[in-house]
PDB file of N, CA and C in Angstrom:
ATOM      1  N   GLU A   1       3.676 -39.521  11.183  1.00  0.00           N
ATOM      2  CA  GLU A   1       3.484 -40.704  10.364  1.00  0.00           C
ATOM      3  C   GLU A   1       2.829 -40.375   9.029  1.00  0.00           C
ATOM      4  N   ASN A   2       1.981 -39.346   9.012  1.00  0.00           N
ATOM      5  CA  ASN A   2       1.264 -38.990   7.789  1.00  0.00           C
ATOM      6  C   ASN A   2       1.938 -37.868   7.017  1.00  0.00           C
ATOM      7  N   GLY A   3       3.122 -37.457   7.448  1.00  0.00           N
ATOM      8  CA  GLY A   3       3.850 -36.418   6.747  1.00  0.00           C
ATOM      9  C   GLY A   3       3.469 -35.001   7.132  1.00  0.00           C
ATOM     10  N   ILE A   4       2.628 -34.844   8.139  1.00  0.00           N
ATOM     11  CA  ILE A   4       2.227 -33.520   8.605  1.00  0.00           C
ATOM     12  C   ILE A   4       3.038 -33.194   9.853  1.00  0.00           C
ATOM     13  N   PRO A   5       3.814 -32.102   9.823  1.00  0.00           N
ATOM     14  CA  PRO A   5       4.601 -31.750  11.009  1.00  0.00           C
ATOM     15  C   PRO A   5       3.694 -31.476  12.211  1.00  0.00           C
ATOM     16  N   THR A   6       4.107 -31.962  13.362  1.00  0.00           N
ATOM     17  CA  THR A   6       3.331 -31.806  14.586  1.00  0.00           C
ATOM     18  C   THR A   6       4.119 -30.967  15.577  1.00  0.00           C
ATOM     19  N   VAL A   7       3.446 -29.972  16.163  1.00  0.00           N
ATOM     20  CA  VAL A   7       4.050 -29.104  17.171  1.00  0.00           C
ATOM     21  C   VAL A   7       3.274 -29.291  18.464  1.00  0.00           C
ATOM     22  N   SER A   8       3.992 -29.467  19.562  1.00  0.00           N
ATOM     23  CA  SER A   8       3.319 -29.588  20.858  1.00  0.00           C
ATOM     24  C   SER A   8       3.958 -28.632  21.853  1.00  0.00           C
ATOM     25  N   MET A   9       3.207 -28.349  22.908  1.00  0.00           N
ATOM     26  CA  MET A   9       3.701 -27.527  24.000  1.00  0.00           C
ATOM     27  C   MET A   9       3.525 -28.341  25.269  1.00  0.00           C
ATOM     28  N   THR A  10       4.636 -28.624  25.943  1.00  0.00           N
ATOM     29  CA  THR A  10       4.580 -29.477  27.120  1.00  0.00           C
ATOM     30  C   THR A  10       5.737 -29.149  28.053  1.00  0.00           C
ATOM     31  N   SER A  11       5.608 -29.548  29.283  1.00  0.00           N
ATOM     32  CA  SER A  11       6.703 -29.349  30.231  1.00  0.00           C
ATOM     33  C   SER A  11       7.581 -30.592  30.330  1.00  0.00           C
ATOM     34  N   SER A  12       7.170 -31.665  29.669  1.00  0.00           N
ATOM     35  CA  SER A  12       7.917 -32.914  29.771  1.00  0.00           C
ATOM     36  C   SER A  12       8.174 -33.517  28.395  1.00  0.00           C
ATOM     37  N   MET A  13       9.443 -33.705  28.070  1.00  0.00           N
ATOM     38  CA  MET A  13       9.799 -34.342  26.804  1.00  0.00           C
ATOM     39  C   MET A  13       9.367 -35.807  26.782  1.00  0.00           C
ATOM     40  N   GLN A  14       9.138 -36.385  27.952  1.00  0.00           N
ATOM     41  CA  GLN A  14       8.721 -37.780  28.026  1.00  0.00           C
ATOM     42  C   GLN A  14       7.211 -37.956  27.868  1.00  0.00           C
ATOM     43  N   SER A  15       6.478 -36.869  27.776  1.00  0.00           N
ATOM     44  CA  SER A  15       5.029 -36.982  27.594  1.00  0.00           C
ATOM     45  C   SER A  15       4.742 -37.564  26.213  1.00  0.00           C
ATOM     46  N   LYS A  16       3.562 -38.119  26.044  1.00  0.00           N
ATOM     47  CA  LYS A  16       3.172 -38.675  24.738  1.00  0.00           C
ATOM     48  C   LYS A  16       3.226 -37.589  23.672  1.00  0.00           C
ATOM     49  N   ALA A  17       2.753 -36.391  24.009  1.00  0.00           N
ATOM     50  CA  ALA A  17       2.779 -35.287  23.042  1.00  0.00           C
ATOM     51  C   ALA A  17       4.214 -34.979  22.629  1.00  0.00           C
ATOM     52  N   GLY A  18       5.126 -34.927  23.585  1.00  0.00           N
ATOM     53  CA  GLY A  18       6.521 -34.641  23.286  1.00  0.00           C
ATOM     54  C   GLY A  18       7.187 -35.722  22.457  1.00  0.00           C
ATOM     55  N   GLN A  19       6.849 -36.956  22.730  1.00  0.00           N
ATOM     56  CA  GLN A  19       7.449 -38.079  22.012  1.00  0.00           C
ATOM     57  C   GLN A  19       7.027 -38.130  20.547  1.00  0.00           C
ATOM     58  N   TYR A  20       5.801 -37.741  20.259  1.00  0.00           N
ATOM     59  CA  TYR A  20       5.278 -37.877  18.905  1.00  0.00           C
ATOM     60  C   TYR A  20       5.337 -36.589  18.089  1.00  0.00           C
ATOM     61  N   SER A  21       5.888 -35.535  18.650  1.00  0.00           N
ATOM     62  CA  SER A  21       5.925 -34.248  17.951  1.00  0.00           C
ATOM     63  C   SER A  21       7.234 -34.052  17.211  1.00  0.00           C
ATOM     64  N   ASP A  22       7.139 -33.339  16.100  1.00  0.00           N
ATOM     65  CA  ASP A  22       8.338 -32.968  15.358  1.00  0.00           C
ATOM     66  C   ASP A  22       9.027 -31.783  16.031  1.00  0.00           C
ATOM     67  N   VAL A  23       8.234 -30.880  16.580  1.00  0.00           N
ATOM     68  CA  VAL A  23       8.747 -29.710  17.286  1.00  0.00           C
ATOM     69  C   VAL A  23       8.080 -29.666  18.655  1.00  0.00           C
ATOM     70  N   VAL A  24       8.889 -29.538  19.697  1.00  0.00           N
ATOM     71  CA  VAL A  24       8.352 -29.451  21.055  1.00  0.00           C
ATOM     72  C   VAL A  24       8.713 -28.083  21.628  1.00  0.00           C
ATOM     73  N   LEU A  25       7.688 -27.327  21.990  1.00  0.00           N
ATOM     74  CA  LEU A  25       7.883 -26.057  22.681  1.00  0.00           C
ATOM     75  C   LEU A  25       7.795 -26.375  24.162  1.00  0.00           C
ATOM     76  N   ARG A  26       8.928 -26.391  24.812  1.00  0.00           N
ATOM     77  CA  ARG A  26       8.970 -26.831  26.205  1.00  0.00           C
ATOM     78  C   ARG A  26       8.774 -25.651  27.138  1.00  0.00           C
ATOM     79  N   THR A  27       7.824 -25.785  28.022  1.00  0.00           N
ATOM     80  CA  THR A  27       7.562 -24.763  29.029  1.00  0.00           C
ATOM     81  C   THR A  27       7.837 -25.366  30.395  1.00  0.00           C
ATOM     82  N   PHE A  28       8.160 -24.501  31.341  1.00  0.00           N
ATOM     83  CA  PHE A  28       8.471 -24.999  32.675  1.00  0.00           C
ATOM     84  C   PHE A  28       8.044 -23.977  33.707  1.00  0.00           C
ATOM     85  N   SER A  29       7.500 -24.467  34.786  1.00  0.00           N
ATOM     86  CA  SER A  29       7.197 -23.603  35.925  1.00  0.00           C
ATOM     87  C   SER A  29       7.138 -24.465  37.172  1.00  0.00           C
ATOM     88  N   ARG A  30       7.362 -23.840  38.287  1.00  0.00           N
ATOM     89  CA  ARG A  30       7.245 -24.543  39.567  1.00  0.00           C
ATOM     90  C   ARG A  30       5.877 -24.234  40.152  1.00  0.00           C
ATOM     91  N   GLU A  31       5.093 -25.265  40.293  1.00  0.00           N
ATOM     92  CA  GLU A  31       3.757 -25.103  40.857  1.00  0.00           C
ATOM     93  C   GLU A  31       3.820 -25.227  42.371  1.00  0.00           C
ATOM     94  N   SER A  32       2.928 -24.570  43.026  1.00  0.00           N
ATOM     95  CA  SER A  32       2.795 -24.700  44.468  1.00  0.00           C
ATOM     96  C   SER A  32       2.303 -26.104  44.793  1.00  0.00           C
ATOM     97  N   LEU A  33       2.765 -26.643  45.887  1.00  0.00           N
ATOM     98  CA  LEU A  33       2.299 -27.966  46.300  1.00  0.00           C
ATOM     99  C   LEU A  33       0.805 -27.972  46.590  1.00  0.00           C
ATOM    100  N   TYR A  34       0.256 -26.799  46.858  1.00  0.00           N
ATOM    101  CA  TYR A  34      -1.149 -26.709  47.237  1.00  0.00           C
ATOM    102  C   TYR A  34      -2.058 -26.303  46.081  1.00  0.00           C
ATOM    103  N   SER A  35      -1.467 -26.055  44.919  1.00  0.00           N
ATOM    104  CA  SER A  35      -2.259 -25.601  43.777  1.00  0.00           C
ATOM    105  C   SER A  35      -2.733 -26.784  42.953  1.00  0.00           C
ATOM    106  N   ARG A  36      -4.003 -26.831  42.685  1.00  0.00           N
ATOM    107  CA  ARG A  36      -4.558 -27.889  41.839  1.00  0.00           C
ATOM    108  C   ARG A  36      -4.842 -27.394  40.432  1.00  0.00           C
ATOM    109  N   MET A  37      -4.737 -26.100  40.210  1.00  0.00           N
ATOM    110  CA  MET A  37      -5.112 -25.549  38.915  1.00  0.00           C
ATOM    111  C   MET A  37      -3.926 -25.319  37.984  1.00  0.00           C
ATOM    112  N   ALA A  38      -2.731 -25.470  38.434  1.00  0.00           N
ATOM    113  CA  ALA A  38      -1.527 -25.293  37.617  1.00  0.00           C
ATOM    114  C   ALA A  38      -1.539 -23.951  36.884  1.00  0.00           C
ATOM    115  N   MET A  39      -1.845 -22.889  37.603  1.00  0.00           N
ATOM    116  CA  MET A  39      -1.980 -21.573  36.978  1.00  0.00           C
ATOM    117  C   MET A  39      -0.670 -21.047  36.406  1.00  0.00           C
ATOM    118  N   THR A  40       0.445 -21.220  37.093  1.00  0.00           N
ATOM    119  CA  THR A  40       1.694 -20.656  36.577  1.00  0.00           C
ATOM    120  C   THR A  40       2.109 -21.328  35.280  1.00  0.00           C
ATOM    121  N   SER A  41       1.899 -22.627  35.150  1.00  0.00           N
ATOM    122  CA  SER A  41       2.247 -23.291  33.894  1.00  0.00           C
ATOM    123  C   SER A  41       1.315 -22.847  32.775  1.00  0.00           C
ATOM    124  N   ARG A  42       0.048 -22.631  33.082  1.00  0.00           N
ATOM    125  CA  ARG A  42      -0.892 -22.138  32.068  1.00  0.00           C
ATOM    126  C   ARG A  42      -0.519 -20.736  31.607  1.00  0.00           C
ATOM    127  N   ILE A  43      -0.134 -19.889  32.542  1.00  0.00           N
ATOM    128  CA  ILE A  43       0.259 -18.529  32.173  1.00  0.00           C
ATOM    129  C   ILE A  43       1.480 -18.573  31.258  1.00  0.00           C
ATOM    130  N   GLY A  44       2.443 -19.428  31.558  1.00  0.00           N
ATOM    131  CA  GLY A  44       3.616 -19.583  30.700  1.00  0.00           C
ATOM    132  C   GLY A  44       3.244 -20.058  29.310  1.00  0.00           C
ATOM    133  N   GLN A  45       2.314 -20.992  29.228  1.00  0.00           N
ATOM    134  CA  GLN A  45       1.877 -21.496  27.928  1.00  0.00           C
ATOM    135  C   GLN A  45       1.102 -20.431  27.160  1.00  0.00           C
ATOM    136  N   TYR A  46       0.258 -19.669  27.847  1.00  0.00           N
ATOM    137  CA  TYR A  46      -0.461 -18.579  27.180  1.00  0.00           C
ATOM    138  C   TYR A  46       0.513 -17.539  26.640  1.00  0.00           C
ATOM    139  N   ALA A  47       1.562 -17.245  27.402  1.00  0.00           N
ATOM    140  CA  ALA A  47       2.568 -16.283  26.950  1.00  0.00           C
ATOM    141  C   ALA A  47       3.284 -16.801  25.705  1.00  0.00           C
ATOM    142  N   MET A  48       3.577 -18.101  25.669  1.00  0.00           N
ATOM    143  CA  MET A  48       4.227 -18.702  24.502  1.00  0.00           C
ATOM    144  C   MET A  48       3.315 -18.606  23.275  1.00  0.00           C
ATOM    145  N   ILE A  49       2.042 -18.909  23.445  1.00  0.00           N
ATOM    146  CA  ILE A  49       1.091 -18.822  22.336  1.00  0.00           C
ATOM    147  C   ILE A  49       0.973 -17.378  21.853  1.00  0.00           C
ATOM    148  N   ASP A  50       0.909 -16.442  22.778  1.00  0.00           N
ATOM    149  CA  ASP A  50       0.817 -15.027  22.418  1.00  0.00           C
ATOM    150  C   ASP A  50       2.051 -14.586  21.640  1.00  0.00           C
ATOM    151  N   ALA A  51       3.229 -15.002  22.077  1.00  0.00           N
ATOM    152  CA  ALA A  51       4.466 -14.643  21.376  1.00  0.00           C
ATOM    153  C   ALA A  51       4.485 -15.233  19.968  1.00  0.00           C
ATOM    154  N   LEU A  52       4.052 -16.476  19.824  1.00  0.00           N
ATOM    155  CA  LEU A  52       3.991 -17.095  18.494  1.00  0.00           C
ATOM    156  C   LEU A  52       3.018 -16.337  17.594  1.00  0.00           C
ATOM    157  N   PHE A  53       1.857 -16.012  18.132  1.00  0.00           N
ATOM    158  CA  PHE A  53       0.848 -15.274  17.375  1.00  0.00           C
ATOM    159  C   PHE A  53       1.393 -13.927  16.914  1.00  0.00           C
ATOM    160  N   MET A  54       2.032 -13.208  17.820  1.00  0.00           N
ATOM    161  CA  MET A  54       2.563 -11.891  17.473  1.00  0.00           C
ATOM    162  C   MET A  54       3.662 -11.989  16.413  1.00  0.00           C
ATOM    163  N   ASN A  55       4.476 -13.034  16.462  1.00  0.00           N
ATOM    164  CA  ASN A  55       5.513 -13.219  15.445  1.00  0.00           C
ATOM    165  C   ASN A  55       4.917 -13.535  14.082  1.00  0.00           C
ATOM    166  N   VAL A  56       3.850 -14.318  14.053  1.00  0.00           N
ATOM    167  CA  VAL A  56       3.170 -14.606  12.785  1.00  0.00           C
ATOM    168  C   VAL A  56       2.573 -13.325  12.217  1.00  0.00           C
ATOM    169  N   ILE A  57       1.913 -12.544  13.073  1.00  0.00           N
ATOM    170  CA  ILE A  57       1.331 -11.271  12.637  1.00  0.00           C
ATOM    171  C   ILE A  57       2.421 -10.345  12.087  1.00  0.00           C
ATOM    172  N   HIS A  58       3.540 -10.272  12.784  1.00  0.00           N
ATOM    173  CA  HIS A  58       4.649  -9.423  12.338  1.00  0.00           C
ATOM    174  C   HIS A  58       5.193  -9.904  10.992  1.00  0.00           C
ATOM    175  N   ALA A  59       5.342 -11.201  10.822  1.00  0.00           N
ATOM    176  CA  ALA A  59       5.881 -11.757   9.578  1.00  0.00           C
ATOM    177  C   ALA A  59       4.938 -11.523   8.398  1.00  0.00           C
ATOM    178  N   MET A  60       3.629 -11.529   8.661  1.00  0.00           N
ATOM    179  CA  MET A  60       2.654 -11.332   7.587  1.00  0.00           C
ATOM    180  C   MET A  60       2.514  -9.867   7.193  1.00  0.00           C
ATOM    181  N   GLY A  61       2.890  -8.965   8.082  1.00  0.00           N
ATOM    182  CA  GLY A  61       2.850  -7.538   7.775  1.00  0.00           C
ATOM    183  C   GLY A  61       1.444  -6.982   7.659  1.00  0.00           C
ATOM    184  N   GLU A  62       1.254  -6.052   6.712  1.00  0.00           N
ATOM    185  CA  GLU A  62      -0.017  -5.343   6.540  1.00  0.00           C
ATOM    186  C   GLU A  62      -1.184  -6.289   6.272  1.00  0.00           C
ATOM    187  N   GLU A  63      -0.924  -7.383   5.595  1.00  0.00           N
ATOM    188  CA  GLU A  63      -1.982  -8.357   5.280  1.00  0.00           C
ATOM    189  C   GLU A  63      -2.661  -8.859   6.551  1.00  0.00           C
ATOM    190  N   SER A  64      -1.884  -9.055   7.598  1.00  0.00           N
ATOM    191  CA  SER A  64      -2.450  -9.568   8.845  1.00  0.00           C
ATOM    192  C   SER A  64      -3.373  -8.546   9.507  1.00  0.00           C
ATOM    193  N   ILE A  65      -3.057  -7.272   9.397  1.00  0.00           N
ATOM    194  CA  ILE A  65      -3.905  -6.234   9.987  1.00  0.00           C
ATOM    195  C   ILE A  65      -5.266  -6.226   9.307  1.00  0.00           C
ATOM    196  N   ASP A  66      -5.274  -6.355   7.991  1.00  0.00           N
ATOM    197  CA  ASP A  66      -6.539  -6.407   7.256  1.00  0.00           C
ATOM    198  C   ASP A  66      -7.369  -7.614   7.676  1.00  0.00           C
ATOM    199  N   MET A  67      -6.723  -8.751   7.858  1.00  0.00           N
ATOM    200  CA  MET A  67      -7.454  -9.968   8.243  1.00  0.00           C
ATOM    201  C   MET A  67      -8.013  -9.857   9.651  1.00  0.00           C
ATOM    202  N   LEU A  68      -7.304  -9.202  10.555  1.00  0.00           N
ATOM    203  CA  LEU A  68      -7.772  -9.067  11.934  1.00  0.00           C
ATOM    204  C   LEU A  68      -8.939  -8.094  12.065  1.00  0.00           C
ATOM    205  N   GLU A  69      -9.008  -7.122  11.163  1.00  0.00           N
ATOM    206  CA  GLU A  69     -10.100  -6.147  11.226  1.00  0.00           C
ATOM    207  C   GLU A  69     -11.333  -6.780  10.674  1.00  0.00           C
TER     208      GLU A  69
END
């Protein structure tokens, strides 16, 4: 609404985050019926964030290495 692109990460396009985002990074995992911590979905989301971070670092080149040090 304010002209700022919004990116969300969710397993459901019907979630509020998915509905209001310009870009939706959809993740999916099957959780155990007995798991209350949703670890597999969190691991998938962490992997997605790590991949995005690494791509940004790669795109920035040498400048990113200087900033990280």
